[in-house]
């Protein structure tokens, strides 16, 4: 019936229209791929973010979410946690914003909630869409160089999960490395390493890349 719910148990119980629970959280902290989301909660040691809401009718709350990035979950108590993956990102995307649809359901039992089980369970929902920004964590995807052969030209891209052309590159050669950048036999540009090995031996060099968003990462490559 409009404006309320009536039930006859031992007499007539009239419940005026329930108020929706209140979602107090209005924004979500940003996160990064390959890193645990949020901060460590005092007392529990769990890492994540608690979405805050309060009941309006003295009932219990249950949280659900749609639209979360892969690797993240929202518990029934409203704790958002996980490690965002980067499968949703293209090579050229460095951040994505996910509109996360949050639903908070308040459950209230009216009437006799004892052994007789004659009470009535009522629910009321509140909904909010909160944006969750996830930044792609810069990392190398090339693990090692292809084998080098004496007097044989080689050329290989050292790749990251960003577009190579969007990065600033630098290289530092190890002492005694046969890939050394000091003669005409080695070239390095925008992640492309090429050359013509003229002697046997080992190589060692460190590549550093910097993205426009300020992330910097380095990797050392070694071999023979």
C-alpha atoms as a PDB file:
ATOM      1  CA  UNK A   1       0.000   0.000   0.000  1.00  0.00           C
ATOM      2  CA  UNK A   2       1.211   3.525  -0.713  1.00  0.00           C
ATOM      3  CA  UNK A   3       3.251   5.114   2.032  1.00  0.00           C
ATOM      4  CA  UNK A   4       3.646   1.984   4.111  1.00  0.00           C
ATOM      5  CA  UNK A   5       3.372  -1.781   4.606  1.00  0.00           C
ATOM      6  CA  UNK A   6       0.735  -3.504   6.707  1.00  0.00           C
ATOM      7  CA  UNK A   7       0.887  -6.965   8.186  1.00  0.00           C
ATOM      8  CA  UNK A   8      -1.431  -8.779  10.528  1.00  0.00           C
ATOM      9  CA  UNK A   9       0.443 -10.861  13.081  1.00  0.00           C
ATOM     10  CA  UNK A  10      -0.945 -10.523  16.592  1.00  0.00           C
ATOM     11  CA  UNK A  11      -2.887  -7.416  15.680  1.00  0.00           C
ATOM     12  CA  UNK A  12      -2.129  -4.968  12.892  1.00  0.00           C
ATOM     13  CA  UNK A  13       1.390  -3.620  12.423  1.00  0.00           C
ATOM     14  CA  UNK A  14       1.744  -0.623  10.172  1.00  0.00           C
ATOM     15  CA  UNK A  15       5.191   0.422   8.965  1.00  0.00           C
ATOM     16  CA  UNK A  16       5.491   3.831   7.441  1.00  0.00           C
ATOM     17  CA  UNK A  17       7.527   4.116   4.219  1.00  0.00           C
ATOM     18  CA  UNK A  18      11.163   3.195   4.800  1.00  0.00           C
ATOM     19  CA  UNK A  19      13.920   5.696   4.137  1.00  0.00           C
ATOM     20  CA  UNK A  20      16.799   4.641   1.909  1.00  0.00           C
ATOM     21  CA  UNK A  21      20.198   4.068   3.542  1.00  0.00           C
ATOM     22  CA  UNK A  22      22.668   6.918   3.153  1.00  0.00           C
ATOM     23  CA  UNK A  23      25.868   6.438   1.143  1.00  0.00           C
ATOM     24  CA  UNK A  24      28.359   8.870   2.660  1.00  0.00           C
ATOM     25  CA  UNK A  25      31.321   8.148   0.349  1.00  0.00           C
ATOM     26  CA  UNK A  26      31.315  10.510  -2.614  1.00  0.00           C
ATOM     27  CA  UNK A  27      34.682   9.689  -4.237  1.00  0.00           C
ATOM     28  CA  UNK A  28      37.047   6.737  -4.562  1.00  0.00           C
ATOM     29  CA  UNK A  29      40.839   6.965  -4.253  1.00  0.00           C
ATOM     30  CA  UNK A  30      42.796   6.387  -7.450  1.00  0.00           C
ATOM     31  CA  UNK A  31      44.786   3.191  -7.920  1.00  0.00           C
ATOM     32  CA  UNK A  32      47.446   1.625 -10.131  1.00  0.00           C
ATOM     33  CA  UNK A  33      47.702  -1.656 -11.991  1.00  0.00           C
ATOM     34  CA  UNK A  34      49.880  -4.389 -10.482  1.00  0.00           C
ATOM     35  CA  UNK A  35      49.699  -2.704  -7.051  1.00  0.00           C
ATOM     36  CA  UNK A  36      47.384  -3.441  -4.135  1.00  0.00           C
ATOM     37  CA  UNK A  37      44.625  -0.858  -3.963  1.00  0.00           C
ATOM     38  CA  UNK A  38      44.066   1.526  -1.078  1.00  0.00           C
ATOM     39  CA  UNK A  39      45.793   1.920   2.263  1.00  0.00           C
ATOM     40  CA  UNK A  40      46.260  -0.376   5.254  1.00  0.00           C
ATOM     41  CA  UNK A  41      43.283  -0.231   7.610  1.00  0.00           C
ATOM     42  CA  UNK A  42      44.112   0.420  11.250  1.00  0.00           C
ATOM     43  CA  UNK A  43      43.276  -2.544  13.450  1.00  0.00           C
ATOM     44  CA  UNK A  44      42.681  -5.078  10.685  1.00  0.00           C
ATOM     45  CA  UNK A  45      45.837  -4.831   8.605  1.00  0.00           C
ATOM     46  CA  UNK A  46      43.733  -5.239   5.474  1.00  0.00           C
ATOM     47  CA  UNK A  47      44.614  -3.043   2.504  1.00  0.00           C
ATOM     48  CA  UNK A  48      41.833  -1.356   0.596  1.00  0.00           C
ATOM     49  CA  UNK A  49      39.191   1.318   1.043  1.00  0.00           C
ATOM     50  CA  UNK A  50      36.022   1.270   3.127  1.00  0.00           C
ATOM     51  CA  UNK A  51      32.930   2.701   1.450  1.00  0.00           C
ATOM     52  CA  UNK A  52      30.900   4.397   4.143  1.00  0.00           C
ATOM     53  CA  UNK A  53      27.114   4.151   4.455  1.00  0.00           C
ATOM     54  CA  UNK A  54      24.605   4.238   7.295  1.00  0.00           C
ATOM     55  CA  UNK A  55      21.201   2.608   7.788  1.00  0.00           C
ATOM     56  CA  UNK A  56      18.149   4.843   8.005  1.00  0.00           C
ATOM     57  CA  UNK A  57      15.854   2.320   9.647  1.00  0.00           C
ATOM     58  CA  UNK A  58      18.056   0.496  12.147  1.00  0.00           C
ATOM     59  CA  UNK A  59      18.599  -2.424   9.782  1.00  0.00           C
ATOM     60  CA  UNK A  60      21.650  -4.209   8.393  1.00  0.00           C
ATOM     61  CA  UNK A  61      23.519  -3.185   5.241  1.00  0.00           C
ATOM     62  CA  UNK A  62      24.826  -5.176   2.290  1.00  0.00           C
ATOM     63  CA  UNK A  63      27.064  -3.697  -0.420  1.00  0.00           C
ATOM     64  CA  UNK A  64      27.348  -4.787  -4.052  1.00  0.00           C
ATOM     65  CA  UNK A  65      29.148  -3.247  -7.028  1.00  0.00           C
ATOM     66  CA  UNK A  66      29.158  -3.431 -10.813  1.00  0.00           C
ATOM     67  CA  UNK A  67      31.814  -2.142 -13.188  1.00  0.00           C
ATOM     68  CA  UNK A  68      34.931  -2.820 -11.113  1.00  0.00           C
ATOM     69  CA  UNK A  69      38.220  -3.421 -12.957  1.00  0.00           C
ATOM     70  CA  UNK A  70      39.486  -6.980 -13.127  1.00  0.00           C
ATOM     71  CA  UNK A  71      41.258  -8.006  -9.949  1.00  0.00           C
ATOM     72  CA  UNK A  72      39.137  -5.901  -7.600  1.00  0.00           C
ATOM     73  CA  UNK A  73      36.181  -6.859  -5.394  1.00  0.00           C
ATOM     74  CA  UNK A  74      33.752  -5.177  -3.019  1.00  0.00           C
ATOM     75  CA  UNK A  75      32.850  -7.142   0.110  1.00  0.00           C
ATOM     76  CA  UNK A  76      29.307  -7.268   1.479  1.00  0.00           C
ATOM     77  CA  UNK A  77      30.504  -4.940   4.237  1.00  0.00           C
ATOM     78  CA  UNK A  78      31.658  -2.341   1.711  1.00  0.00           C
ATOM     79  CA  UNK A  79      35.428  -2.927   1.703  1.00  0.00           C
ATOM     80  CA  UNK A  80      36.951  -2.321  -1.727  1.00  0.00           C
ATOM     81  CA  UNK A  81      40.194  -4.224  -2.282  1.00  0.00           C
ATOM     82  CA  UNK A  82      42.353  -6.106  -4.759  1.00  0.00           C
ATOM     83  CA  UNK A  83      45.083  -5.570  -7.333  1.00  0.00           C
ATOM     84  CA  UNK A  84      43.844  -3.976 -10.555  1.00  0.00           C
ATOM     85  CA  UNK A  85      44.931  -5.760 -13.705  1.00  0.00           C
ATOM     86  CA  UNK A  86      45.879  -4.118 -16.981  1.00  0.00           C
ATOM     87  CA  UNK A  87      44.061  -6.412 -19.416  1.00  0.00           C
ATOM     88  CA  UNK A  88      41.564  -3.629 -20.138  1.00  0.00           C
ATOM     89  CA  UNK A  89      44.334  -1.273 -21.273  1.00  0.00           C
ATOM     90  CA  UNK A  90      45.542  -0.915 -24.823  1.00  0.00           C
ATOM     91  CA  UNK A  91      49.214  -0.191 -25.459  1.00  0.00           C
ATOM     92  CA  UNK A  92      48.396   3.491 -25.891  1.00  0.00           C
ATOM     93  CA  UNK A  93      46.207   3.902 -22.793  1.00  0.00           C
ATOM     94  CA  UNK A  94      47.958   5.018 -19.621  1.00  0.00           C
ATOM     95  CA  UNK A  95      44.891   5.432 -17.410  1.00  0.00           C
ATOM     96  CA  UNK A  96      41.243   4.450 -17.379  1.00  0.00           C
ATOM     97  CA  UNK A  97      38.260   5.667 -15.376  1.00  0.00           C
ATOM     98  CA  UNK A  98      35.731   3.043 -14.335  1.00  0.00           C
ATOM     99  CA  UNK A  99      32.201   4.193 -13.382  1.00  0.00           C
ATOM    100  CA  UNK A 100      31.488   1.848 -10.469  1.00  0.00           C
ATOM    101  CA  UNK A 101      27.804   1.383  -9.630  1.00  0.00           C
ATOM    102  CA  UNK A 102      27.437   0.888  -5.866  1.00  0.00           C
ATOM    103  CA  UNK A 103      24.238  -0.508  -4.367  1.00  0.00           C
ATOM    104  CA  UNK A 104      23.641  -0.524  -0.615  1.00  0.00           C
ATOM    105  CA  UNK A 105      20.684  -2.593   0.554  1.00  0.00           C
ATOM    106  CA  UNK A 106      19.251  -2.141   4.037  1.00  0.00           C
ATOM    107  CA  UNK A 107      17.310  -5.074   5.457  1.00  0.00           C
ATOM    108  CA  UNK A 108      14.802  -4.548   8.258  1.00  0.00           C
ATOM    109  CA  UNK A 109      12.684  -7.179  10.009  1.00  0.00           C
ATOM    110  CA  UNK A 110       9.415  -5.939  11.491  1.00  0.00           C
ATOM    111  CA  UNK A 111       7.011  -7.852  13.668  1.00  0.00           C
ATOM    112  CA  UNK A 112       7.949 -11.037  15.523  1.00  0.00           C
ATOM    113  CA  UNK A 113      11.496 -12.013  14.564  1.00  0.00           C
ATOM    114  CA  UNK A 114      11.665 -14.822  17.117  1.00  0.00           C
ATOM    115  CA  UNK A 115      11.207 -18.569  16.781  1.00  0.00           C
ATOM    116  CA  UNK A 116       7.740 -18.179  15.301  1.00  0.00           C
ATOM    117  CA  UNK A 117       9.254 -16.507  12.249  1.00  0.00           C
ATOM    118  CA  UNK A 118       6.168 -14.382  11.718  1.00  0.00           C
ATOM    119  CA  UNK A 119       8.082 -11.158  11.091  1.00  0.00           C
ATOM    120  CA  UNK A 120       8.281  -9.425   7.774  1.00  0.00           C
ATOM    121  CA  UNK A 121      11.607  -8.672   6.088  1.00  0.00           C
ATOM    122  CA  UNK A 122      11.720  -5.351   4.272  1.00  0.00           C
ATOM    123  CA  UNK A 123      14.504  -3.923   2.142  1.00  0.00           C
ATOM    124  CA  UNK A 124      15.379  -0.484   0.840  1.00  0.00           C
ATOM    125  CA  UNK A 125      18.186   0.369  -1.579  1.00  0.00           C
ATOM    126  CA  UNK A 126      20.436   3.336  -2.207  1.00  0.00           C
ATOM    127  CA  UNK A 127      22.561   3.639  -5.334  1.00  0.00           C
ATOM    128  CA  UNK A 128      25.561   5.757  -6.291  1.00  0.00           C
ATOM    129  CA  UNK A 129      27.984   5.730  -9.213  1.00  0.00           C
ATOM    130  CA  UNK A 130      31.545   6.572  -8.198  1.00  0.00           C
ATOM    131  CA  UNK A 131      34.447   7.009 -10.612  1.00  0.00           C
ATOM    132  CA  UNK A 132      37.523   4.874 -10.012  1.00  0.00           C
ATOM    133  CA  UNK A 133      40.660   6.027 -11.852  1.00  0.00           C
ATOM    134  CA  UNK A 134      43.343   3.411 -12.454  1.00  0.00           C
ATOM    135  CA  UNK A 135      46.777   4.315 -13.825  1.00  0.00           C
ATOM    136  CA  UNK A 136      48.800   1.750 -15.730  1.00  0.00           C
ATOM    137  CA  UNK A 137      52.060   0.971 -13.925  1.00  0.00           C
ATOM    138  CA  UNK A 138      55.019   1.323 -16.287  1.00  0.00           C
ATOM    139  CA  UNK A 139      56.999  -1.893 -16.657  1.00  0.00           C
ATOM    140  CA  UNK A 140      59.286  -3.666 -19.109  1.00  0.00           C
ATOM    141  CA  UNK A 141      57.804  -6.525 -21.097  1.00  0.00           C
ATOM    142  CA  UNK A 142      61.118  -7.547 -22.722  1.00  0.00           C
ATOM    143  CA  UNK A 143      62.841  -9.951 -20.353  1.00  0.00           C
ATOM    144  CA  UNK A 144      66.099 -10.604 -22.223  1.00  0.00           C
ATOM    145  CA  UNK A 145      67.870 -10.092 -25.529  1.00  0.00           C
ATOM    146  CA  UNK A 146      67.849 -12.605 -28.324  1.00  0.00           C
ATOM    147  CA  UNK A 147      71.158 -14.531 -28.643  1.00  0.00           C
ATOM    148  CA  UNK A 148      74.004 -12.562 -30.221  1.00  0.00           C
ATOM    149  CA  UNK A 149      76.158 -14.061 -32.957  1.00  0.00           C
ATOM    150  CA  UNK A 150      79.672 -12.847 -33.819  1.00  0.00           C
ATOM    151  CA  UNK A 151      79.811 -10.730 -37.011  1.00  0.00           C
ATOM    152  CA  UNK A 152      76.032 -11.064 -37.423  1.00  0.00           C
ATOM    153  CA  UNK A 153      73.774  -8.032 -37.377  1.00  0.00           C
ATOM    154  CA  UNK A 154      71.155  -7.939 -34.661  1.00  0.00           C
ATOM    155  CA  UNK A 155      68.237  -5.623 -34.002  1.00  0.00           C
ATOM    156  CA  UNK A 156      65.648  -5.827 -31.256  1.00  0.00           C
ATOM    157  CA  UNK A 157      63.069  -3.571 -29.646  1.00  0.00           C
ATOM    158  CA  UNK A 158      63.198  -3.411 -25.881  1.00  0.00           C
ATOM    159  CA  UNK A 159      59.535  -3.090 -25.067  1.00  0.00           C
ATOM    160  CA  UNK A 160      57.389  -1.830 -22.225  1.00  0.00           C
ATOM    161  CA  UNK A 161      53.642  -1.893 -21.637  1.00  0.00           C
ATOM    162  CA  UNK A 162      53.544   1.720 -22.862  1.00  0.00           C
ATOM    163  CA  UNK A 163      53.940   2.860 -26.447  1.00  0.00           C
ATOM    164  CA  UNK A 164      57.688   3.164 -27.014  1.00  0.00           C
ATOM    165  CA  UNK A 165      57.296   6.488 -28.813  1.00  0.00           C
ATOM    166  CA  UNK A 166      55.646   8.057 -25.747  1.00  0.00           C
ATOM    167  CA  UNK A 167      58.677   7.427 -23.509  1.00  0.00           C
ATOM    168  CA  UNK A 168      62.018   9.076 -22.851  1.00  0.00           C
ATOM    169  CA  UNK A 169      64.830   6.533 -23.151  1.00  0.00           C
ATOM    170  CA  UNK A 170      68.400   6.344 -21.875  1.00  0.00           C
ATOM    171  CA  UNK A 171      70.989   3.582 -21.738  1.00  0.00           C
ATOM    172  CA  UNK A 172      74.074   2.990 -19.586  1.00  0.00           C
ATOM    173  CA  UNK A 173      76.627   0.414 -20.701  1.00  0.00           C
ATOM    174  CA  UNK A 174      78.516  -1.813 -18.288  1.00  0.00           C
ATOM    175  CA  UNK A 175      82.291  -1.823 -18.176  1.00  0.00           C
ATOM    176  CA  UNK A 176      83.802  -4.259 -20.675  1.00  0.00           C
ATOM    177  CA  UNK A 177      80.477  -4.898 -22.384  1.00  0.00           C
ATOM    178  CA  UNK A 178      80.678  -5.915 -26.046  1.00  0.00           C
ATOM    179  CA  UNK A 179      77.498  -3.846 -26.491  1.00  0.00           C
ATOM    180  CA  UNK A 180      78.961  -0.522 -25.466  1.00  0.00           C
ATOM    181  CA  UNK A 181      77.700   2.320 -27.623  1.00  0.00           C
ATOM    182  CA  UNK A 182      81.202   3.733 -28.054  1.00  0.00           C
ATOM    183  CA  UNK A 183      81.811   2.621 -31.617  1.00  0.00           C
ATOM    184  CA  UNK A 184      79.949   2.242 -34.869  1.00  0.00           C
ATOM    185  CA  UNK A 185      78.876  -1.294 -34.038  1.00  0.00           C
ATOM    186  CA  UNK A 186      76.058  -0.372 -31.637  1.00  0.00           C
ATOM    187  CA  UNK A 187      73.022   1.883 -32.029  1.00  0.00           C
ATOM    188  CA  UNK A 188      70.240   2.637 -29.587  1.00  0.00           C
ATOM    189  CA  UNK A 189      67.201   4.804 -30.293  1.00  0.00           C
ATOM    190  CA  UNK A 190      63.733   4.902 -28.700  1.00  0.00           C
ATOM    191  CA  UNK A 191      64.057   1.391 -27.365  1.00  0.00           C
ATOM    192  CA  UNK A 192      65.548  -0.130 -30.508  1.00  0.00           C
ATOM    193  CA  UNK A 193      68.960  -1.693 -29.954  1.00  0.00           C
ATOM    194  CA  UNK A 194      70.971  -2.861 -32.947  1.00  0.00           C
ATOM    195  CA  UNK A 195      74.533  -3.581 -33.911  1.00  0.00           C
ATOM    196  CA  UNK A 196      77.155  -5.940 -35.257  1.00  0.00           C
ATOM    197  CA  UNK A 197      79.148  -7.792 -32.552  1.00  0.00           C
ATOM    198  CA  UNK A 198      82.848  -7.764 -33.472  1.00  0.00           C
ATOM    199  CA  UNK A 199      84.251  -9.688 -30.536  1.00  0.00           C
ATOM    200  CA  UNK A 200      83.333 -12.487 -28.196  1.00  0.00           C
ATOM    201  CA  UNK A 201      82.469 -11.686 -24.632  1.00  0.00           C
ATOM    202  CA  UNK A 202      79.662 -10.672 -22.345  1.00  0.00           C
ATOM    203  CA  UNK A 203      77.403  -7.658 -22.318  1.00  0.00           C
ATOM    204  CA  UNK A 204      75.711  -5.640 -19.620  1.00  0.00           C
ATOM    205  CA  UNK A 205      73.650  -2.482 -19.953  1.00  0.00           C
ATOM    206  CA  UNK A 206      70.833  -0.746 -18.122  1.00  0.00           C
ATOM    207  CA  UNK A 207      67.900   0.854 -19.899  1.00  0.00           C
ATOM    208  CA  UNK A 208      65.870   3.562 -18.155  1.00  0.00           C
ATOM    209  CA  UNK A 209      62.529   4.832 -19.410  1.00  0.00           C
ATOM    210  CA  UNK A 210      60.434   7.742 -18.216  1.00  0.00           C
ATOM    211  CA  UNK A 211      56.784   8.290 -19.023  1.00  0.00           C
ATOM    212  CA  UNK A 212      55.005  11.625 -19.379  1.00  0.00           C
ATOM    213  CA  UNK A 213      53.086  10.915 -16.159  1.00  0.00           C
ATOM    214  CA  UNK A 214      56.380  10.892 -14.226  1.00  0.00           C
ATOM    215  CA  UNK A 215      56.851   7.139 -13.809  1.00  0.00           C
ATOM    216  CA  UNK A 216      60.423   5.933 -14.244  1.00  0.00           C
ATOM    217  CA  UNK A 217      61.639   2.344 -14.409  1.00  0.00           C
ATOM    218  CA  UNK A 218      64.999   0.724 -15.187  1.00  0.00           C
ATOM    219  CA  UNK A 219      66.113  -2.772 -16.159  1.00  0.00           C
ATOM    220  CA  UNK A 220      69.555  -4.305 -16.535  1.00  0.00           C
ATOM    221  CA  UNK A 221      70.168  -6.754 -19.371  1.00  0.00           C
ATOM    222  CA  UNK A 222      73.076  -9.175 -19.215  1.00  0.00           C
ATOM    223  CA  UNK A 223      74.289 -12.034 -21.387  1.00  0.00           C
ATOM    224  CA  UNK A 224      76.970 -13.344 -23.713  1.00  0.00           C
END
